[in-house]
Amino acid sequence: MKIAFYGSSLLSAYWNGAATYYRGLLRALAEKGYDIAFYEPDVYDRQKNRDIDPPDWCRVVVYDGTVEALRKVAAEAAKADIVVKASGVGFEDDLLLAEVMAAARPQAIKVFWDVDAPATLAEMQVAPGHPLRRALASLDLVLTYGGGEPVVGAYRSFGAAECVPIYNALDPQTHHPALPDPRYAADLGFLGNRLPDREARVEEFFLDPAARLPEQKFLLGGSGWQDKPMPANIAYVGHVPTGAHNAFNATPKAVLNISRASMAANGFSPATRVFEAAGAGACLITDYWEGIELFLSPDDEVLVARDGADVAEILAGLTSERAESIGKAALERVLADHTYARRAEEADRVFRRVAEQRAMEAAE
């Protein structure tokens, strides 16, 4: 089946947290025989900060950030069996949704793929006339990269025919154990861009423990933190390219995951960083969110902190031997249960089931 996928960017992870998810899942779907075209706008300097070349498993179409160019690529949805509009494309999202779904053939499977469901649902909750809310009844599927039953129930209450979580996962071809890199030597590392929905939690779970443990070294990576006041024992390395994530995760004694506030409140929303870190064999400390035990076993495969004091306590008592043991167990777990190959199997089953339903309805 042919997929026309309209998303933020496949070629650049610059200010684009969905890149790892898109790459891992779409490559796994391509390996299952799907013919995929990915359409991304040239916005936010992403094309100037590409971190992969166009892949051979997917045709990537980059279009100018103009309405004219948007309408031109939207028309190509007519060639596809499955038409996907993702959330957070970054240029005229509402118009893109309307144009793409209008161009799709009647028999095509129409999908909204939400990579930030808590934020999308919050928008629709306060806006009865929200374009997506109006469009849901005409779509076949909503797929999300997290959220569990709270998100499924919310989408159905807004009129979605079906909502299925296809969770973040590990792509072992790109995220795997690596040799330590002296640039990233630290007791605790955190990698994440500075976002309004995350900053207060970074202060609580990262900056506060650093202040509590002045004798330990902390490492901060990600864009936007250069003017943030922070303790002297924090080394800031700025944007870390995707190709360096393995070394960043494998080098410190432990690495930290801090969910955005909306993700933590909703639960069942493991970030790509969780699987990247586990895939590198890192000892992961994560803030608490409901559902963590569905992905990694607390105390054995991941360490869970409810606040900054917990992070400091965990780190102060963490030996290198225990950190290594936790990282090894996490790696074994994600390789067994949480790869994008597994997620692609789930998505494939959903697509084929909907296609069979369509065929049966057409034959009646």
Foldseek 3Di string as FASTA:
>chain_A
DEEEAEAQDCFFCAVPQCNVVCVFQQLLLLVVPYAYEYEAECDPCRVVHGDDDDDPSYHYHYFYLDPVRLLVSLLCLCVGQEYEQEPPNPHPSLVSLVSNVVNHDPNHQYEYEYAPQLVVLVVCVVPVVPSCLVCQQVHQEYEYQWQPPVSQVSSVVSPHPGYYYLHAADALVQFAADDADVVQEWQEEEEDADDPQFVVQCCKAPQVLCVVCVVTAYEYEYADCPPPDGDPRYDYDYHDRSNCLLNNLNRHLAYEDTDGNSDQVSFGHDRNNLNSNLRNLFAYEYEDHPPPCVQANDPQQHDYDPINVRNNVCSVPDDSVSRNRNSVVSNVRRVVPGGSNVSNVVVVVVVVVVSVVSVVVVVD
